[in-house]
Amino acid sequence: MLPKQPDQTLYFLKVQYQRHESFYWRLITEIFVYLHQYHPQQPWLGVVLFSSRGVDPGLPRVYEMPRAQLQILEMEFAGESALEQQLLALVVEDGED
């Protein structure tokens, strides 16, 4: 999600309903390819929304460094913060507006 202002955080949102052992490998690669191609100057945050805890395969140890820039949520527990409520609204939006 591209920010409207250049000093705002750049968000990468991924919603995952099925377990894939290579999920984080693909996600981190896609984020870093984007960063390499576009050279954004603002901070970034990856937001992962899993349908349930069992779908999360676990972050590989090699990716512990960018872990601070990943927010991992499960739908069954999400909705407590304003950000979580907005993300859930995006996921369930019917798209007819």
PDB file of N, CA and C in Angstrom:
ATOM      1  N   MET A   1       0.850  -1.159   0.000  1.00  0.00           N
ATOM      2  CA  MET A   1       0.000   0.000   0.000  1.00  0.00           C
ATOM      3  C   MET A   1       0.900   1.228   0.000  1.00  0.00           C
ATOM      4  N   LEU A   2       0.791   2.010  -1.050  1.00  0.00           N
ATOM      5  CA  LEU A   2       1.633   3.183  -1.177  1.00  0.00           C
ATOM      6  C   LEU A   2       1.083   4.325  -0.331  1.00  0.00           C
ATOM      7  N   PRO A   3       1.953   4.999   0.406  1.00  0.00           N
ATOM      8  CA  PRO A   3       1.496   6.120   1.226  1.00  0.00           C
ATOM      9  C   PRO A   3       1.201   7.345   0.379  1.00  0.00           C
ATOM     10  N   LYS A   4       0.355   8.200   0.899  1.00  0.00           N
ATOM     11  CA  LYS A   4       0.014   9.437   0.188  1.00  0.00           C
ATOM     12  C   LYS A   4       1.093  10.497   0.359  1.00  0.00           C
ATOM     13  N   GLN A   5       1.815  10.439   1.461  1.00  0.00           N
ATOM     14  CA  GLN A   5       2.891  11.386   1.741  1.00  0.00           C
ATOM     15  C   GLN A   5       4.228  10.633   1.719  1.00  0.00           C
ATOM     16  N   PRO A   6       5.287  11.262   1.206  1.00  0.00           N
ATOM     17  CA  PRO A   6       6.575  10.565   1.098  1.00  0.00           C
ATOM     18  C   PRO A   6       7.218  10.201   2.432  1.00  0.00           C
ATOM     19  N   ASP A   7       6.785  10.802   3.527  1.00  0.00           N
ATOM     20  CA  ASP A   7       7.383  10.483   4.820  1.00  0.00           C
ATOM     21  C   ASP A   7       6.590   9.439   5.599  1.00  0.00           C
ATOM     22  N   GLN A   8       5.478   8.963   5.025  1.00  0.00           N
ATOM     23  CA  GLN A   8       4.663   7.953   5.694  1.00  0.00           C
ATOM     24  C   GLN A   8       5.182   6.554   5.392  1.00  0.00           C
ATOM     25  N   THR A   9       4.819   5.620   6.253  1.00  0.00           N
ATOM     26  CA  THR A   9       5.272   4.235   6.120  1.00  0.00           C
ATOM     27  C   THR A   9       4.685   3.561   4.886  1.00  0.00           C
ATOM     28  N   LEU A  10       5.511   2.805   4.212  1.00  0.00           N
ATOM     29  CA  LEU A  10       5.118   1.985   3.067  1.00  0.00           C
ATOM     30  C   LEU A  10       4.721   0.619   3.613  1.00  0.00           C
ATOM     31  N   TYR A  11       3.501   0.170   3.341  1.00  0.00           N
ATOM     32  CA  TYR A  11       3.004  -1.106   3.868  1.00  0.00           C
ATOM     33  C   TYR A  11       2.965  -2.167   2.780  1.00  0.00           C
ATOM     34  N   PHE A  12       3.389  -3.355   3.150  1.00  0.00           N
ATOM     35  CA  PHE A  12       3.244  -4.546   2.311  1.00  0.00           C
ATOM     36  C   PHE A  12       2.278  -5.458   3.062  1.00  0.00           C
ATOM     37  N   LEU A  13       1.114  -5.695   2.495  1.00  0.00           N
ATOM     38  CA  LEU A  13       0.097  -6.506   3.151  1.00  0.00           C
ATOM     39  C   LEU A  13      -0.061  -7.828   2.424  1.00  0.00           C
ATOM     40  N   LYS A  14      -0.026  -8.905   3.191  1.00  0.00           N
ATOM     41  CA  LYS A  14      -0.228 -10.246   2.630  1.00  0.00           C
ATOM     42  C   LYS A  14      -1.244 -10.971   3.496  1.00  0.00           C
ATOM     43  N   VAL A  15      -2.291 -11.487   2.869  1.00  0.00           N
ATOM     44  CA  VAL A  15      -3.313 -12.275   3.551  1.00  0.00           C
ATOM     45  C   VAL A  15      -3.118 -13.718   3.122  1.00  0.00           C
ATOM     46  N   GLN A  16      -3.024 -14.628   4.097  1.00  0.00           N
ATOM     47  CA  GLN A  16      -2.717 -16.019   3.788  1.00  0.00           C
ATOM     48  C   GLN A  16      -3.738 -16.936   4.447  1.00  0.00           C
ATOM     49  N   TYR A  17      -4.407 -17.765   3.639  1.00  0.00           N
ATOM     50  CA  TYR A  17      -5.426 -18.698   4.129  1.00  0.00           C
ATOM     51  C   TYR A  17      -4.948 -20.141   4.164  1.00  0.00           C
ATOM     52  N   GLN A  18      -3.865 -20.435   3.450  1.00  0.00           N
ATOM     53  CA  GLN A  18      -3.366 -21.809   3.403  1.00  0.00           C
ATOM     54  C   GLN A  18      -1.915 -21.850   3.847  1.00  0.00           C
ATOM     55  N   ARG A  19      -1.543 -22.923   4.492  1.00  0.00           N
ATOM     56  CA  ARG A  19      -0.167 -23.070   4.972  1.00  0.00           C
ATOM     57  C   ARG A  19       0.754 -23.411   3.803  1.00  0.00           C
ATOM     58  N   HIS A  20       1.832 -22.649   3.681  1.00  0.00           N
ATOM     59  CA  HIS A  20       2.883 -22.913   2.700  1.00  0.00           C
ATOM     60  C   HIS A  20       4.206 -22.774   3.418  1.00  0.00           C
ATOM     61  N   GLU A  21       4.998 -23.812   3.396  1.00  0.00           N
ATOM     62  CA  GLU A  21       6.267 -23.807   4.118  1.00  0.00           C
ATOM     63  C   GLU A  21       7.220 -22.725   3.604  1.00  0.00           C
ATOM     64  N   SER A  22       7.095 -22.339   2.339  1.00  0.00           N
ATOM     65  CA  SER A  22       7.986 -21.325   1.775  1.00  0.00           C
ATOM     66  C   SER A  22       7.375 -19.921   1.822  1.00  0.00           C
ATOM     67  N   PHE A  23       6.331 -19.732   2.595  1.00  0.00           N
ATOM     68  CA  PHE A  23       5.629 -18.445   2.626  1.00  0.00           C
ATOM     69  C   PHE A  23       6.568 -17.273   2.916  1.00  0.00           C
ATOM     70  N   TYR A  24       7.326 -17.347   4.003  1.00  0.00           N
ATOM     71  CA  TYR A  24       8.191 -16.220   4.374  1.00  0.00           C
ATOM     72  C   TYR A  24       9.329 -16.016   3.386  1.00  0.00           C
ATOM     73  N   TRP A  25       9.834 -17.092   2.821  1.00  0.00           N
ATOM     74  CA  TRP A  25      10.889 -16.967   1.817  1.00  0.00           C
ATOM     75  C   TRP A  25      10.388 -16.128   0.642  1.00  0.00           C
ATOM     76  N   ARG A  26       9.176 -16.426   0.178  1.00  0.00           N
ATOM     77  CA  ARG A  26       8.589 -15.689  -0.943  1.00  0.00           C
ATOM     78  C   ARG A  26       8.268 -14.247  -0.549  1.00  0.00           C
ATOM     79  N   LEU A  27       7.652 -14.060   0.612  1.00  0.00           N
ATOM     80  CA  LEU A  27       7.257 -12.724   1.060  1.00  0.00           C
ATOM     81  C   LEU A  27       8.451 -11.781   1.182  1.00  0.00           C
ATOM     82  N   ILE A  28       9.476 -12.211   1.897  1.00  0.00           N
ATOM     83  CA  ILE A  28      10.650 -11.361   2.095  1.00  0.00           C
ATOM     84  C   ILE A  28      11.336 -11.072   0.762  1.00  0.00           C
ATOM     85  N   THR A  29      11.406 -12.054  -0.105  1.00  0.00           N
ATOM     86  CA  THR A  29      11.998 -11.851  -1.430  1.00  0.00           C
ATOM     87  C   THR A  29      11.223 -10.806  -2.207  1.00  0.00           C
ATOM     88  N   GLU A  30       9.893 -10.901  -2.213  1.00  0.00           N
ATOM     89  CA  GLU A  30       9.070  -9.941  -2.953  1.00  0.00           C
ATOM     90  C   GLU A  30       9.239  -8.523  -2.401  1.00  0.00           C
ATOM     91  N   ILE A  31       9.295  -8.396  -1.089  1.00  0.00           N
ATOM     92  CA  ILE A  31       9.484  -7.077  -0.484  1.00  0.00           C
ATOM     93  C   ILE A  31      10.827  -6.492  -0.902  1.00  0.00           C
ATOM     94  N   PHE A  32      11.887  -7.298  -0.797  1.00  0.00           N
ATOM     95  CA  PHE A  32      13.208  -6.769  -1.118  1.00  0.00           C
ATOM     96  C   PHE A  32      13.391  -6.515  -2.615  1.00  0.00           C
ATOM     97  N   VAL A  33      12.710  -7.258  -3.466  1.00  0.00           N
ATOM     98  CA  VAL A  33      12.747  -6.960  -4.904  1.00  0.00           C
ATOM     99  C   VAL A  33      12.104  -5.600  -5.153  1.00  0.00           C
ATOM    100  N   TYR A  34      10.959  -5.334  -4.512  1.00  0.00           N
ATOM    101  CA  TYR A  34      10.306  -4.025  -4.658  1.00  0.00           C
ATOM    102  C   TYR A  34      11.237  -2.915  -4.172  1.00  0.00           C
ATOM    103  N   LEU A  35      11.833  -3.095  -2.994  1.00  0.00           N
ATOM    104  CA  LEU A  35      12.732  -2.076  -2.445  1.00  0.00           C
ATOM    105  C   LEU A  35      13.900  -1.825  -3.390  1.00  0.00           C
ATOM    106  N   HIS A  36      14.429  -2.890  -3.978  1.00  0.00           N
ATOM    107  CA  HIS A  36      15.543  -2.738  -4.926  1.00  0.00           C
ATOM    108  C   HIS A  36      15.108  -1.988  -6.184  1.00  0.00           C
ATOM    109  N   GLN A  37      13.941  -2.301  -6.713  1.00  0.00           N
ATOM    110  CA  GLN A  37      13.484  -1.697  -7.961  1.00  0.00           C
ATOM    111  C   GLN A  37      13.113  -0.224  -7.806  1.00  0.00           C
ATOM    112  N   TYR A  38      12.473   0.139  -6.694  1.00  0.00           N
ATOM    113  CA  TYR A  38      11.913   1.487  -6.565  1.00  0.00           C
ATOM    114  C   TYR A  38      12.667   2.406  -5.601  1.00  0.00           C
ATOM    115  N   HIS A  39      13.577   1.874  -4.832  1.00  0.00           N
ATOM    116  CA  HIS A  39      14.395   2.681  -3.910  1.00  0.00           C
ATOM    117  C   HIS A  39      13.574   3.664  -3.069  1.00  0.00           C
ATOM    118  N   PRO A  40      12.517   3.212  -2.412  1.00  0.00           N
ATOM    119  CA  PRO A  40      11.734   4.139  -1.590  1.00  0.00           C
ATOM    120  C   PRO A  40      12.579   4.638  -0.415  1.00  0.00           C
ATOM    121  N   GLN A  41      12.327   5.860  -0.002  1.00  0.00           N
ATOM    122  CA  GLN A  41      13.108   6.458   1.081  1.00  0.00           C
ATOM    123  C   GLN A  41      12.409   6.377   2.432  1.00  0.00           C
ATOM    124  N   GLN A  42      11.121   6.079   2.430  1.00  0.00           N
ATOM    125  CA  GLN A  42      10.378   6.017   3.688  1.00  0.00           C
ATOM    126  C   GLN A  42      10.535   4.650   4.350  1.00  0.00           C
ATOM    127  N   PRO A  43      10.213   4.566   5.644  1.00  0.00           N
ATOM    128  CA  PRO A  43      10.257   3.269   6.324  1.00  0.00           C
ATOM    129  C   PRO A  43       9.192   2.332   5.766  1.00  0.00           C
ATOM    130  N   TRP A  44       9.380   1.037   5.981  1.00  0.00           N
ATOM    131  CA  TRP A  44       8.398   0.076   5.493  1.00  0.00           C
ATOM    132  C   TRP A  44       8.023  -0.883   6.607  1.00  0.00           C
ATOM    133  N   LEU A  45       6.841  -1.486   6.423  1.00  0.00           N
ATOM    134  CA  LEU A  45       6.342  -2.474   7.369  1.00  0.00           C
ATOM    135  C   LEU A  45       5.596  -3.546   6.589  1.00  0.00           C
ATOM    136  N   GLY A  46       5.947  -4.787   6.804  1.00  0.00           N
ATOM    137  CA  GLY A  46       5.221  -5.908   6.219  1.00  0.00           C
ATOM    138  C   GLY A  46       4.164  -6.376   7.203  1.00  0.00           C
ATOM    139  N   VAL A  47       2.937  -6.475   6.754  1.00  0.00           N
ATOM    140  CA  VAL A  47       1.835  -6.923   7.605  1.00  0.00           C
ATOM    141  C   VAL A  47       1.308  -8.226   7.029  1.00  0.00           C
ATOM    142  N   VAL A  48       1.326  -9.263   7.841  1.00  0.00           N
ATOM    143  CA  VAL A  48       0.857 -10.575   7.421  1.00  0.00           C
ATOM    144  C   VAL A  48      -0.388 -10.912   8.225  1.00  0.00           C
ATOM    145  N   LEU A  49      -1.437 -11.265   7.531  1.00  0.00           N
ATOM    146  CA  LEU A  49      -2.695 -11.631   8.180  1.00  0.00           C
ATOM    147  C   LEU A  49      -3.012 -13.079   7.817  1.00  0.00           C
ATOM    148  N   PHE A  50      -2.815 -13.978   8.787  1.00  0.00           N
ATOM    149  CA  PHE A  50      -3.118 -15.386   8.594  1.00  0.00           C
ATOM    150  C   PHE A  50      -4.560 -15.659   9.019  1.00  0.00           C
ATOM    151  N   SER A  51      -5.204 -16.608   8.355  1.00  0.00           N
ATOM    152  CA  SER A  51      -6.578 -16.953   8.715  1.00  0.00           C
ATOM    153  C   SER A  51      -6.639 -17.589  10.097  1.00  0.00           C
ATOM    154  N   SER A  52      -5.589 -18.295  10.489  1.00  0.00           N
ATOM    155  CA  SER A  52      -5.513 -18.911  11.820  1.00  0.00           C
ATOM    156  C   SER A  52      -4.053 -19.165  12.160  1.00  0.00           C
ATOM    157  N   ARG A  53      -3.784 -19.452  13.394  1.00  0.00           N
ATOM    158  CA  ARG A  53      -2.411 -19.678  13.864  1.00  0.00           C
ATOM    159  C   ARG A  53      -1.754 -20.850  13.149  1.00  0.00           C
ATOM    160  N   GLY A  54      -2.499 -21.879  12.833  1.00  0.00           N
ATOM    161  CA  GLY A  54      -1.942 -23.062  12.193  1.00  0.00           C
ATOM    162  C   GLY A  54      -1.461 -22.829  10.774  1.00  0.00           C
ATOM    163  N   VAL A  55      -1.831 -21.727  10.156  1.00  0.00           N
ATOM    164  CA  VAL A  55      -1.420 -21.427   8.787  1.00  0.00           C
ATOM    165  C   VAL A  55      -0.003 -20.847   8.758  1.00  0.00           C
ATOM    166  N   ASP A  56       0.426 -20.242   9.850  1.00  0.00           N
ATOM    167  CA  ASP A  56       1.753 -19.635   9.930  1.00  0.00           C
ATOM    168  C   ASP A  56       2.814 -20.728  10.039  1.00  0.00           C
ATOM    169  N   PRO A  57       3.704 -20.865   9.028  1.00  0.00           N
ATOM    170  CA  PRO A  57       4.721 -21.909   9.075  1.00  0.00           C
ATOM    171  C   PRO A  57       5.892 -21.565   9.994  1.00  0.00           C
ATOM    172  N   GLY A  58       5.945 -20.350  10.482  1.00  0.00           N
ATOM    173  CA  GLY A  58       7.046 -19.917  11.336  1.00  0.00           C
ATOM    174  C   GLY A  58       8.132 -19.238  10.528  1.00  0.00           C
ATOM    175  N   LEU A  59       8.613 -18.147  11.059  1.00  0.00           N
ATOM    176  CA  LEU A  59       9.644 -17.360  10.389  1.00  0.00           C
ATOM    177  C   LEU A  59      10.987 -18.087  10.448  1.00  0.00           C
ATOM    178  N   PRO A  60      11.636 -18.317   9.292  1.00  0.00           N
ATOM    179  CA  PRO A  60      12.951 -18.961   9.296  1.00  0.00           C
ATOM    180  C   PRO A  60      13.973 -18.104  10.057  1.00  0.00           C
ATOM    181  N   ARG A  61      14.901 -18.741  10.729  1.00  0.00           N
ATOM    182  CA  ARG A  61      15.902 -18.027  11.533  1.00  0.00           C
ATOM    183  C   ARG A  61      16.698 -17.022  10.712  1.00  0.00           C
ATOM    184  N   VAL A  62      16.917 -17.313   9.453  1.00  0.00           N
ATOM    185  CA  VAL A  62      17.697 -16.415   8.604  1.00  0.00           C
ATOM    186  C   VAL A  62      17.012 -15.043   8.457  1.00  0.00           C
ATOM    187  N   TYR A  63      15.710 -14.977   8.705  1.00  0.00           N
ATOM    188  CA  TYR A  63      14.972 -13.723   8.582  1.00  0.00           C
ATOM    189  C   TYR A  63      14.697 -13.060   9.927  1.00  0.00           C
ATOM    190  N   GLU A  64      15.473 -13.358  10.942  1.00  0.00           N
ATOM    191  CA  GLU A  64      15.270 -12.723  12.241  1.00  0.00           C
ATOM    192  C   GLU A  64      15.565 -11.227  12.184  1.00  0.00           C
ATOM    193  N   MET A  65      16.494 -10.797  11.332  1.00  0.00           N
ATOM    194  CA  MET A  65      16.830  -9.387  11.234  1.00  0.00           C
ATOM    195  C   MET A  65      15.640  -8.532  10.796  1.00  0.00           C
ATOM    196  N   PRO A  66      14.946  -8.846   9.695  1.00  0.00           N
ATOM    197  CA  PRO A  66      13.809  -8.004   9.313  1.00  0.00           C
ATOM    198  C   PRO A  66      12.548  -8.282  10.128  1.00  0.00           C
ATOM    199  N   ARG A  67      12.604  -9.170  11.122  1.00  0.00           N
ATOM    200  CA  ARG A  67      11.425  -9.504  11.928  1.00  0.00           C
ATOM    201  C   ARG A  67      10.809  -8.267  12.577  1.00  0.00           C
ATOM    202  N   ALA A  68      11.628  -7.290  12.933  1.00  0.00           N
ATOM    203  CA  ALA A  68      11.117  -6.062  13.551  1.00  0.00           C
ATOM    204  C   ALA A  68      10.222  -5.282  12.591  1.00  0.00           C
ATOM    205  N   GLN A  69      10.358  -5.540  11.308  1.00  0.00           N
ATOM    206  CA  GLN A  69       9.553  -4.834  10.327  1.00  0.00           C
ATOM    207  C   GLN A  69       8.400  -5.690   9.800  1.00  0.00           C
ATOM    208  N   LEU A  70       8.076  -6.757  10.500  1.00  0.00           N
ATOM    209  CA  LEU A  70       6.929  -7.591  10.148  1.00  0.00           C
ATOM    210  C   LEU A  70       5.948  -7.595  11.305  1.00  0.00           C
ATOM    211  N   GLN A  71       4.700  -7.355  10.995  1.00  0.00           N
ATOM    212  CA  GLN A  71       3.643  -7.500  11.996  1.00  0.00           C
ATOM    213  C   GLN A  71       2.801  -8.682  11.562  1.00  0.00           C
ATOM    214  N   ILE A  72       2.755  -9.714  12.398  1.00  0.00           N
ATOM    215  CA  ILE A  72       2.067 -10.952  12.054  1.00  0.00           C
ATOM    216  C   ILE A  72       0.813 -11.071  12.907  1.00  0.00           C
ATOM    217  N   LEU A  73      -0.322 -11.222  12.244  1.00  0.00           N
ATOM    218  CA  LEU A  73      -1.617 -11.283  12.916  1.00  0.00           C
ATOM    219  C   LEU A  73      -2.375 -12.526  12.468  1.00  0.00           C
ATOM    220  N   GLU A  74      -3.215 -13.032  13.339  1.00  0.00           N
ATOM    221  CA  GLU A  74      -4.137 -14.106  12.964  1.00  0.00           C
ATOM    222  C   GLU A  74      -5.548 -13.551  13.024  1.00  0.00           C
ATOM    223  N   MET A  75      -6.360 -13.831  12.016  1.00  0.00           N
ATOM    224  CA  MET A  75      -7.717 -13.302  11.950  1.00  0.00           C
ATOM    225  C   MET A  75      -8.535 -13.651  13.181  1.00  0.00           C
ATOM    226  N   GLU A  76      -8.326 -14.839  13.737  1.00  0.00           N
ATOM    227  CA  GLU A  76      -9.122 -15.254  14.882  1.00  0.00           C
ATOM    228  C   GLU A  76      -8.825 -14.422  16.123  1.00  0.00           C
ATOM    229  N   PHE A  77      -7.663 -13.735  16.139  1.00  0.00           N
ATOM    230  CA  PHE A  77      -7.307 -12.902  17.285  1.00  0.00           C
ATOM    231  C   PHE A  77      -7.220 -11.426  16.925  1.00  0.00           C
ATOM    232  N   ALA A  78      -7.326 -11.087  15.648  1.00  0.00           N
ATOM    233  CA  ALA A  78      -7.174  -9.693  15.207  1.00  0.00           C
ATOM    234  C   ALA A  78      -8.423  -8.885  15.523  1.00  0.00           C
ATOM    235  N   GLY A  79      -8.260  -7.582  15.473  1.00  0.00           N
ATOM    236  CA  GLY A  79      -9.381  -6.682  15.651  1.00  0.00           C
ATOM    237  C   GLY A  79      -9.293  -5.831  16.896  1.00  0.00           C
ATOM    238  N   GLU A  80      -8.220  -5.971  17.670  1.00  0.00           N
ATOM    239  CA  GLU A  80      -8.094  -5.204  18.902  1.00  0.00           C
ATOM    240  C   GLU A  80      -7.603  -3.783  18.653  1.00  0.00           C
ATOM    241  N   SER A  81      -6.685  -3.583  17.722  1.00  0.00           N
ATOM    242  CA  SER A  81      -6.170  -2.242  17.450  1.00  0.00           C
ATOM    243  C   SER A  81      -6.873  -1.643  16.240  1.00  0.00           C
ATOM    244  N   ALA A  82      -6.720  -0.345  16.064  1.00  0.00           N
ATOM    245  CA  ALA A  82      -7.333   0.334  14.917  1.00  0.00           C
ATOM    246  C   ALA A  82      -6.778  -0.202  13.602  1.00  0.00           C
ATOM    247  N   LEU A  83      -5.459  -0.453  13.556  1.00  0.00           N
ATOM    248  CA  LEU A  83      -4.851  -1.003  12.342  1.00  0.00           C
ATOM    249  C   LEU A  83      -5.442  -2.364  12.016  1.00  0.00           C
ATOM    250  N   GLU A  84      -5.572  -3.220  13.007  1.00  0.00           N
ATOM    251  CA  GLU A  84      -6.132  -4.554  12.790  1.00  0.00           C
ATOM    252  C   GLU A  84      -7.562  -4.464  12.296  1.00  0.00           C
ATOM    253  N   GLN A  85      -8.357  -3.568  12.826  1.00  0.00           N
ATOM    254  CA  GLN A  85      -9.745  -3.411  12.389  1.00  0.00           C
ATOM    255  C   GLN A  85      -9.805  -2.933  10.945  1.00  0.00           C
ATOM    256  N   GLN A  86      -8.919  -2.022  10.561  1.00  0.00           N
ATOM    257  CA  GLN A  86      -8.897  -1.533   9.183  1.00  0.00           C
ATOM    258  C   GLN A  86      -8.466  -2.638   8.218  1.00  0.00           C
ATOM    259  N   LEU A  87      -7.491  -3.447   8.622  1.00  0.00           N
ATOM    260  CA  LEU A  87      -7.046  -4.552   7.771  1.00  0.00           C
ATOM    261  C   LEU A  87      -8.149  -5.579   7.572  1.00  0.00           C
ATOM    262  N   LEU A  88      -8.834  -5.920   8.635  1.00  0.00           N
ATOM    263  CA  LEU A  88      -9.946  -6.873   8.522  1.00  0.00           C
ATOM    264  C   LEU A  88     -11.036  -6.326   7.594  1.00  0.00           C
ATOM    265  N   ALA A  89     -11.305  -5.031   7.676  1.00  0.00           N
ATOM    266  CA  ALA A  89     -12.298  -4.422   6.802  1.00  0.00           C
ATOM    267  C   ALA A  89     -11.875  -4.540   5.350  1.00  0.00           C
ATOM    268  N   LEU A  90     -10.578  -4.391   5.052  1.00  0.00           N
ATOM    269  CA  LEU A  90     -10.089  -4.540   3.683  1.00  0.00           C
ATOM    270  C   LEU A  90     -10.271  -5.967   3.174  1.00  0.00           C
ATOM    271  N   VAL A  91      -9.994  -6.937   4.025  1.00  0.00           N
ATOM    272  CA  VAL A  91     -10.056  -8.345   3.629  1.00  0.00           C
ATOM    273  C   VAL A  91     -11.484  -8.785   3.338  1.00  0.00           C
ATOM    274  N   VAL A  92     -12.443  -8.316   4.100  1.00  0.00           N
ATOM    275  CA  VAL A  92     -13.823  -8.769   3.924  1.00  0.00           C
ATOM    276  C   VAL A  92     -14.645  -7.842   3.040  1.00  0.00           C
ATOM    277  N   GLU A  93     -14.048  -6.781   2.522  1.00  0.00           N
ATOM    278  CA  GLU A  93     -14.745  -5.840   1.651  1.00  0.00           C
ATOM    279  C   GLU A  93     -15.224  -6.574   0.401  1.00  0.00           C
ATOM    280  N   ASP A  94     -16.457  -6.299  -0.031  1.00  0.00           N
ATOM    281  CA  ASP A  94     -17.000  -7.018  -1.179  1.00  0.00           C
ATOM    282  C   ASP A  94     -16.547  -6.437  -2.516  1.00  0.00           C
ATOM    283  N   GLY A  95     -15.970  -5.240  -2.522  1.00  0.00           N
ATOM    284  CA  GLY A  95     -15.419  -4.666  -3.747  1.00  0.00           C
ATOM    285  C   GLY A  95     -16.424  -4.030  -4.667  1.00  0.00           C
ATOM    286  N   GLU A  96     -17.669  -3.885  -4.277  1.00  0.00           N
ATOM    287  CA  GLU A  96     -18.679  -3.308  -5.139  1.00  0.00           C
ATOM    288  C   GLU A  96     -18.759  -1.802  -5.033  1.00  0.00           C
ATOM    289  N   ASP A  97     -18.032  -1.184  -4.118  1.00  0.00           N
ATOM    290  CA  ASP A  97     -18.083   0.273  -3.941  1.00  0.00           C
ATOM    291  C   ASP A  97     -17.267   0.986  -4.977  1.00  0.00           C
TER     292      ASP A  97
END
